[in-house]
Amino acid sequence: MAKRPNGSIGIDLSMDGIRVVTFEQKKDLRIRQRQAAVLATNTFADDREVHWQVIEPVLADVLAKANIKKGRAHVAIPDQFAVIRELSLPDFSDEELRSLIQFELTNSIHVPFQEVVFDFVRVPKKDAVTENPDEVNVILVAADKLLCERIVSLLHKFRIRTMSIELRSLAAHRVLKRVRDLPETFLLVETTASGTSIHVFHGDVLYLTRQVTLSLQDAETMEGGAGAGLLAGSDWLVNPDSLPHITDEQQTSTTVEQLLAGAYVSRIAAELDRTRNFFHYTLNRRQAEFSEVVFVGGRSVTPEVMEELRNRLGMPVTSLAFQDMIDKGLFKERRGASWLGDERADEYAVAIGLALREV
């Protein structure tokens, strides 16, 4: 019998780059490999067109440098390729609900994809907003089926079997659950070079995701687009000149505002308030009290920025750091590695959360 590979591969496919993590389980759980590369601006276009001719060679390079020749992968996709809806449906069995949701997706639930794959989770009775005792609330997550199928096909070329595809926010939440006690209701904020994503978690359920085209200006950010500032650090493998070119005709420009700290705090605080209000009043969760804002992604969210946001929002503002994962015993650093102290290490939270699915 063939020996089963030691652990799974976490592949974070984000708007600005690809990050890959693998673990090894011996006496202790350790990161075996951690590699990443930037993607060219507009690899993912506004019209949801994906330039696979850019992604494939970059992914090949990352996998080669991580010495990954085969295996099982859990993959995260950009949130822009999924939608979240809360539905009130008859209190059927899960199998019956799945059939009903499939019917509704075909006939009455609008999603911006030609074809969809979906999953759902039941809202706990205590958090349900339906007043009909014969109904149940469910959170529906529907993703672009063509994107998911293309990912499966692409990874198959590299002898990698795709075990699951999920949202980046859910993978980050998995890491948070393992390193700290989370409040009942909180805001998870992802910061990347391609913008800021705001997610509402309540009772460990993801209710809401918003994309905000704001980014905190980084001292290393250079001209040339969303991924430029990611090139610093020895583990970022690809320089801009080596990336496959996207022509002007292929480009669909996304404007991401690069803001200095003061302007970013003001704007993002307003967006966080808007998100809280939407959850309270549009989703009818007025009794839920937001207790914390947690930043993940590691993109220049300094203690000063978090302190100013804390003052404006009136609640704790924290961040998830690579060092937190080490300190809490989630895993150990590989012997001889020099990752601690690397400011880019914080950007691997999603890939780590994916690889942890089988740990």
Protein backbone atom coordinates (compact mmCIF):
# COMPACT_ATOMS: atom_id res chain seq x y z
CA MET A 1 0.00 0.00 0.00
CA ALA A 2 1.33 3.45 -0.91
CA LYS A 3 2.34 5.62 1.99
CA ARG A 4 -0.13 8.43 2.60
CA PRO A 5 1.40 11.92 2.39
CA ASN A 6 2.12 13.60 5.71
CA GLY A 7 -0.57 16.24 6.00
CA SER A 8 -2.45 18.34 3.50
CA ILE A 9 -1.54 21.41 1.51
CA GLY A 10 -3.14 24.78 2.18
CA ILE A 11 -3.36 26.94 -0.94
CA ASP A 12 -4.57 30.50 -0.47
CA LEU A 13 -5.58 31.95 -3.83
CA SER A 14 -6.19 35.62 -3.14
CA MET A 15 -6.65 38.65 -5.37
CA ASP A 16 -3.05 39.72 -4.85
CA GLY A 17 -1.08 36.49 -4.57
CA ILE A 18 -0.75 32.76 -3.92
CA ARG A 19 0.37 31.44 -0.55
CA VAL A 20 1.08 27.79 0.17
CA VAL A 21 1.65 26.03 3.51
CA THR A 22 2.30 22.39 4.38
CA PHE A 23 2.68 20.79 7.81
CA GLU A 24 4.58 17.77 9.02
CA GLN A 25 3.46 15.78 12.04
CA LYS A 26 6.22 14.01 13.88
CA LYS A 27 6.64 14.47 17.60
CA ASP A 28 5.31 17.99 17.16
CA LEU A 29 3.28 19.70 14.45
CA ARG A 30 5.62 21.85 12.39
CA ILE A 31 5.37 23.92 9.24
CA ARG A 32 7.23 21.97 6.60
CA GLN A 33 7.04 24.50 3.77
CA ARG A 34 5.79 28.05 3.37
CA GLN A 35 6.02 29.80 0.02
CA ALA A 36 4.24 32.62 -1.78
CA ALA A 37 4.26 34.77 -4.89
CA VAL A 38 2.54 37.93 -6.05
CA LEU A 39 -0.05 37.91 -8.85
CA ALA A 40 -0.15 40.66 -11.45
CA THR A 41 -2.71 43.41 -11.05
CA ASN A 42 -6.10 42.48 -12.51
CA THR A 43 -5.39 38.77 -12.66
CA PHE A 44 -8.94 38.72 -11.30
CA ALA A 45 -10.92 41.35 -13.22
CA ASP A 46 -14.01 43.31 -12.19
CA ASP A 47 -16.20 41.25 -14.49
CA ARG A 48 -14.98 38.11 -12.68
CA GLU A 49 -12.87 37.07 -15.63
CA VAL A 50 -9.83 35.15 -14.46
CA HIS A 51 -6.55 35.25 -16.37
CA TRP A 52 -5.41 31.68 -15.87
CA GLN A 53 -2.38 32.24 -18.10
CA VAL A 54 -1.07 34.38 -15.23
CA ILE A 55 -2.01 32.05 -12.39
CA GLU A 56 -0.69 28.75 -13.77
CA PRO A 57 3.03 29.60 -14.10
CA VAL A 58 3.06 31.43 -10.76
CA LEU A 59 1.42 28.46 -9.04
CA ALA A 60 3.88 26.09 -10.72
CA ASP A 61 6.79 28.16 -9.41
CA VAL A 62 5.42 28.26 -5.86
CA LEU A 63 4.77 24.51 -5.77
CA ALA A 64 8.23 23.76 -7.15
CA LYS A 65 9.98 25.96 -4.60
CA ALA A 66 7.89 24.33 -1.84
CA ASN A 67 9.00 20.92 -3.18
CA ILE A 68 5.36 19.84 -3.58
CA LYS A 69 5.11 17.13 -6.23
CA LYS A 70 1.76 15.63 -5.28
CA GLY A 71 -0.72 15.61 -2.43
CA ARG A 72 -4.11 16.70 -1.14
CA ALA A 73 -5.00 20.39 -1.05
CA HIS A 74 -7.57 22.57 0.62
CA VAL A 75 -8.01 25.78 -1.34
CA ALA A 76 -9.37 29.23 -0.49
CA ILE A 77 -10.85 31.44 -3.21
CA PRO A 78 -11.31 35.22 -3.25
CA ASP A 79 -14.56 36.26 -1.59
CA GLN A 80 -15.49 38.14 -4.76
CA PHE A 81 -16.31 34.77 -6.31
CA ALA A 82 -18.91 33.84 -3.72
CA VAL A 83 -22.11 35.29 -2.30
CA ILE A 84 -23.69 34.84 1.13
CA ARG A 85 -27.44 34.93 1.67
CA GLU A 86 -29.64 34.32 4.70
CA LEU A 87 -32.81 32.44 3.81
CA SER A 88 -35.99 31.48 5.65
CA LEU A 89 -37.04 28.03 4.51
CA PRO A 90 -39.33 25.21 5.68
CA ASP A 91 -37.79 23.17 8.48
CA PHE A 92 -36.95 20.20 6.28
CA SER A 93 -34.15 17.67 6.54
CA ASP A 94 -30.75 18.76 5.25
CA GLU A 95 -31.20 16.68 2.11
CA GLU A 96 -34.59 18.27 1.40
CA LEU A 97 -33.20 21.74 2.11
CA ARG A 98 -30.38 21.16 -0.35
CA SER A 99 -32.84 20.22 -3.08
CA LEU A 100 -35.01 23.24 -2.28
CA ILE A 101 -32.04 25.62 -2.34
CA GLN A 102 -30.93 24.18 -5.68
CA PHE A 103 -34.41 24.87 -7.04
CA GLU A 104 -34.44 28.42 -5.65
CA LEU A 105 -31.00 29.15 -7.10
CA THR A 106 -32.33 28.16 -10.50
CA ASN A 107 -35.54 30.16 -10.25
CA SER A 108 -35.52 33.01 -7.73
CA ILE A 109 -32.17 33.60 -6.00
CA HIS A 110 -29.99 35.83 -8.16
CA VAL A 111 -26.26 35.18 -8.11
CA PRO A 112 -23.71 36.76 -10.49
CA PHE A 113 -22.42 33.43 -11.82
CA GLN A 114 -23.48 31.27 -14.75
CA GLU A 115 -23.35 28.15 -12.60
CA VAL A 116 -22.95 27.72 -8.85
CA VAL A 117 -21.81 25.28 -6.24
CA PHE A 118 -23.14 25.89 -2.77
CA ASP A 119 -23.25 24.84 0.83
CA PHE A 120 -25.36 26.01 3.74
CA VAL A 121 -25.46 26.00 7.52
CA ARG A 122 -28.49 26.16 9.76
CA VAL A 123 -28.75 29.21 11.99
CA PRO A 124 -29.19 28.09 15.61
CA LYS A 125 -32.78 28.42 16.79
CA LYS A 126 -31.78 31.01 19.38
CA ASP A 127 -30.42 33.26 16.62
CA ALA A 128 -33.14 32.69 14.03
CA VAL A 129 -35.16 35.71 12.91
CA THR A 130 -38.06 33.87 11.34
CA GLU A 131 -41.17 33.93 13.53
CA ASN A 132 -42.71 30.94 11.81
CA PRO A 133 -42.18 27.82 13.99
CA ASP A 134 -42.25 25.68 10.85
CA GLU A 135 -39.34 27.56 9.27
CA VAL A 136 -35.60 27.60 9.75
CA ASN A 137 -33.00 30.24 8.87
CA VAL A 138 -30.01 29.07 6.86
CA ILE A 139 -26.88 30.82 5.68
CA LEU A 140 -26.24 30.01 2.04
CA VAL A 141 -22.76 30.31 0.54
CA ALA A 142 -22.79 30.04 -3.26
CA ALA A 143 -19.60 30.12 -5.32
CA ASP A 144 -18.72 30.32 -8.98
CA LYS A 145 -18.78 26.71 -10.20
CA LEU A 146 -16.65 27.41 -13.26
CA LEU A 147 -13.91 28.93 -11.09
CA CYS A 148 -13.96 25.95 -8.72
CA GLU A 149 -13.85 23.44 -11.57
CA ARG A 150 -10.93 25.27 -13.16
CA ILE A 151 -9.02 25.18 -9.86
CA VAL A 152 -9.60 21.43 -9.53
CA SER A 153 -8.43 20.90 -13.12
CA LEU A 154 -5.37 23.10 -12.70
CA LEU A 155 -4.21 21.40 -9.51
CA HIS A 156 -4.75 18.01 -11.13
CA LYS A 157 -2.00 18.96 -13.61
CA PHE A 158 0.37 19.12 -10.64
CA ARG A 159 -0.82 15.76 -9.25
CA ILE A 160 -2.70 17.52 -6.46
CA ARG A 161 -6.18 16.40 -5.47
CA THR A 162 -8.52 19.19 -4.34
CA MET A 163 -10.21 18.10 -1.12
CA SER A 164 -12.18 21.27 -0.43
CA ILE A 165 -12.69 24.85 -1.60
CA GLU A 166 -13.79 27.48 0.88
CA LEU A 167 -13.83 31.20 1.58
CA ARG A 168 -10.67 32.83 2.89
CA SER A 169 -12.51 34.25 5.90
CA LEU A 170 -13.55 30.77 7.07
CA ALA A 171 -9.96 29.53 6.93
CA ALA A 172 -8.77 32.54 8.94
CA HIS A 173 -11.56 31.92 11.47
CA ARG A 174 -10.34 28.32 11.91
CA VAL A 175 -6.94 29.62 13.02
CA LEU A 176 -8.47 32.17 15.37
CA LYS A 177 -10.59 29.48 17.03
CA ARG A 178 -7.45 27.51 17.82
CA VAL A 179 -5.42 30.33 19.33
CA ARG A 180 -7.93 32.38 21.31
CA ASP A 181 -11.40 32.54 22.82
CA LEU A 182 -13.61 34.44 20.40
CA PRO A 183 -16.55 36.65 21.38
CA GLU A 184 -20.08 35.76 20.32
CA THR A 185 -20.15 38.55 17.73
CA PHE A 186 -17.11 40.15 16.14
CA LEU A 187 -15.74 41.69 12.95
CA LEU A 188 -12.95 39.92 11.09
CA VAL A 189 -11.04 42.31 8.82
CA GLU A 190 -8.67 41.04 6.14
CA THR A 191 -6.12 43.49 4.79
CA THR A 192 -4.33 42.85 1.51
CA ALA A 193 -2.79 44.96 -1.22
CA SER A 194 -6.02 44.57 -3.21
CA GLY A 195 -8.25 46.10 -0.55
CA THR A 196 -9.99 45.35 2.73
CA SER A 197 -12.58 42.64 3.39
CA ILE A 198 -14.96 42.92 6.35
CA HIS A 199 -16.69 39.82 7.72
CA VAL A 200 -19.33 39.43 10.44
CA PHE A 201 -19.17 36.30 12.60
CA HIS A 202 -21.91 35.55 15.11
CA GLY A 203 -21.91 32.31 17.05
CA ASP A 204 -19.13 30.96 14.80
CA VAL A 205 -21.35 31.46 11.73
CA LEU A 206 -20.31 33.79 8.89
CA TYR A 207 -23.31 36.04 8.18
CA LEU A 208 -21.93 38.81 6.04
CA THR A 209 -18.96 39.74 3.88
CA ARG A 210 -18.19 43.14 2.36
CA GLN A 211 -15.40 44.19 0.01
CA VAL A 212 -14.01 47.69 0.49
CA THR A 213 -11.54 49.13 -2.02
CA LEU A 214 -9.36 50.73 0.64
CA SER A 215 -5.83 49.75 1.51
CA LEU A 216 -3.45 51.07 4.12
CA GLN A 217 -0.43 52.50 2.37
CA ASP A 218 2.68 50.50 3.05
CA ALA A 219 6.14 51.99 3.23
CA GLU A 220 7.21 49.28 0.78
CA THR A 221 4.33 49.83 -1.65
CA MET A 222 5.70 50.69 -5.07
CA GLU A 223 4.13 51.87 -8.27
CA GLY A 224 2.70 49.14 -10.42
CA GLY A 225 -0.48 47.85 -8.83
CA ALA A 226 -2.05 45.90 -6.06
CA GLY A 227 0.66 43.31 -5.52
CA ALA A 228 3.71 45.50 -5.81
CA GLY A 229 4.32 45.98 -2.11
CA LEU A 230 4.37 42.22 -1.56
CA LEU A 231 7.69 41.75 -3.30
CA ALA A 232 9.80 42.52 -0.25
CA GLY A 233 11.05 39.50 1.67
CA SER A 234 12.97 36.49 0.47
CA ASP A 235 9.95 34.19 0.31
CA TRP A 236 8.14 36.31 -2.30
CA LEU A 237 9.36 34.54 -5.35
CA VAL A 238 8.40 36.49 -8.45
CA ASN A 239 9.47 39.94 -9.54
CA PRO A 240 7.16 42.07 -11.73
CA ASP A 241 9.20 41.70 -14.91
CA SER A 242 8.84 37.91 -14.84
CA LEU A 243 5.04 37.91 -14.60
CA PRO A 244 2.99 37.03 -17.71
CA HIS A 245 1.73 40.23 -19.28
CA ILE A 246 -1.93 41.25 -19.31
CA THR A 247 -2.77 43.46 -22.26
CA ASP A 248 -4.73 46.70 -22.07
CA GLU A 249 -7.66 44.92 -23.72
CA GLN A 250 -7.64 42.27 -20.99
CA GLN A 251 -7.47 44.73 -18.13
CA THR A 252 -10.56 45.70 -16.19
CA SER A 253 -9.27 48.29 -13.78
CA THR A 254 -10.08 48.09 -10.09
CA THR A 255 -9.26 51.29 -8.22
CA VAL A 256 -7.95 50.57 -4.74
CA GLU A 257 -7.37 53.70 -2.69
CA GLN A 258 -4.00 53.61 -0.97
CA LEU A 259 -4.48 55.72 2.14
CA LEU A 260 -2.15 57.03 4.81
CA ALA A 261 -2.88 55.90 8.36
CA GLY A 262 -5.07 58.82 9.42
CA ALA A 263 -7.29 58.69 6.35
CA TYR A 264 -7.47 54.90 6.47
CA VAL A 265 -8.62 54.90 10.09
CA SER A 266 -11.34 57.42 9.35
CA ARG A 267 -12.63 55.60 6.28
CA ILE A 268 -12.41 52.06 7.61
CA ALA A 269 -14.08 53.06 10.89
CA ALA A 270 -17.02 54.38 8.87
CA GLU A 271 -17.17 51.13 6.87
CA LEU A 272 -17.08 49.04 10.04
CA ASP A 273 -19.94 51.10 11.49
CA ARG A 274 -21.90 50.66 8.27
CA THR A 275 -21.35 46.89 8.47
CA ARG A 276 -22.50 46.76 12.08
CA ASN A 277 -25.64 48.71 11.24
CA PHE A 278 -26.44 46.42 8.31
CA PHE A 279 -26.15 43.37 10.56
CA HIS A 280 -28.25 44.96 13.30
CA TYR A 281 -31.04 46.45 11.23
CA THR A 282 -31.13 44.89 7.76
CA LEU A 283 -30.41 41.37 9.00
CA ASN A 284 -32.51 42.08 12.11
CA ARG A 285 -29.92 41.16 14.74
CA ARG A 286 -30.45 44.17 17.01
CA GLN A 287 -29.61 42.28 20.19
CA ALA A 288 -26.17 41.17 19.01
CA GLU A 289 -23.34 43.19 20.56
CA PHE A 290 -20.09 43.46 18.67
CA SER A 291 -17.25 42.85 21.10
CA GLU A 292 -14.07 42.96 19.02
CA VAL A 293 -12.45 43.75 15.68
CA VAL A 294 -9.74 41.29 14.62
CA PHE A 295 -7.36 42.11 11.77
CA VAL A 296 -5.72 39.33 9.76
CA GLY A 297 -3.40 39.59 6.81
CA GLY A 298 -0.52 41.48 8.35
CA ARG A 299 -0.60 44.43 5.96
CA SER A 300 0.84 47.32 7.97
CA VAL A 301 -1.93 47.43 10.58
CA THR A 302 0.26 49.02 13.22
CA PRO A 303 -0.46 49.25 16.96
CA GLU A 304 -1.08 52.98 16.43
CA VAL A 305 -3.74 52.29 13.79
CA MET A 306 -5.42 49.72 16.02
CA GLU A 307 -5.36 52.08 19.00
CA GLU A 308 -6.99 54.87 16.99
CA LEU A 309 -9.66 52.48 15.72
CA ARG A 310 -10.22 51.27 19.27
CA ASN A 311 -10.89 54.83 20.37
CA ARG A 312 -13.27 55.49 17.49
CA LEU A 313 -15.23 52.23 17.67
CA GLY A 314 -15.32 51.83 21.44
CA MET A 315 -14.29 48.16 21.39
CA PRO A 316 -11.07 46.13 21.43
CA VAL A 317 -9.15 46.03 18.14
CA THR A 318 -6.58 43.24 17.85
CA SER A 319 -4.67 41.38 15.15
CA LEU A 320 -3.67 37.79 14.47
CA ALA A 321 0.09 37.42 14.17
CA PHE A 322 2.25 34.47 13.21
CA GLN A 323 3.89 34.77 16.61
CA ASP A 324 0.47 34.26 18.27
CA MET A 325 0.21 30.85 16.61
CA ILE A 326 3.64 29.86 17.92
CA ASP A 327 2.99 31.20 21.43
CA LYS A 328 -0.34 29.34 21.71
CA GLY A 329 1.29 26.07 20.68
CA LEU A 330 -0.68 25.71 17.45
CA PHE A 331 2.50 24.44 15.82
CA LYS A 332 6.23 24.84 16.12
CA GLU A 333 8.68 26.52 13.83
CA ARG A 334 10.66 24.17 11.65
CA ARG A 335 14.17 23.65 12.95
CA GLY A 336 16.61 25.93 11.22
CA ALA A 337 13.90 28.19 9.78
CA SER A 338 14.14 31.94 10.15
CA TRP A 339 10.46 32.80 9.86
CA LEU A 340 9.92 34.35 13.26
CA GLY A 341 10.38 38.09 13.01
CA ASP A 342 9.50 38.02 9.31
CA GLU A 343 6.74 40.60 8.93
CA ARG A 344 5.35 38.73 5.90
CA ALA A 345 4.69 35.63 8.01
CA ASP A 346 1.42 37.14 9.27
CA GLU A 347 0.02 36.95 5.74
CA TYR A 348 -0.08 33.15 5.87
CA ALA A 349 -3.03 32.85 8.29
CA VAL A 350 -5.47 31.70 5.59
CA ALA A 351 -3.09 29.10 4.12
CA ILE A 352 -2.35 27.83 7.62
CA GLY A 353 -6.08 27.55 8.36
CA LEU A 354 -6.53 25.49 5.19
CA ALA A 355 -3.66 23.11 5.96
CA LEU A 356 -5.06 22.62 9.48
CA ARG A 357 -8.23 21.02 8.14
CA GLU A 358 -6.61 17.60 8.37
CA VAL A 359 -4.69 18.18 11.61
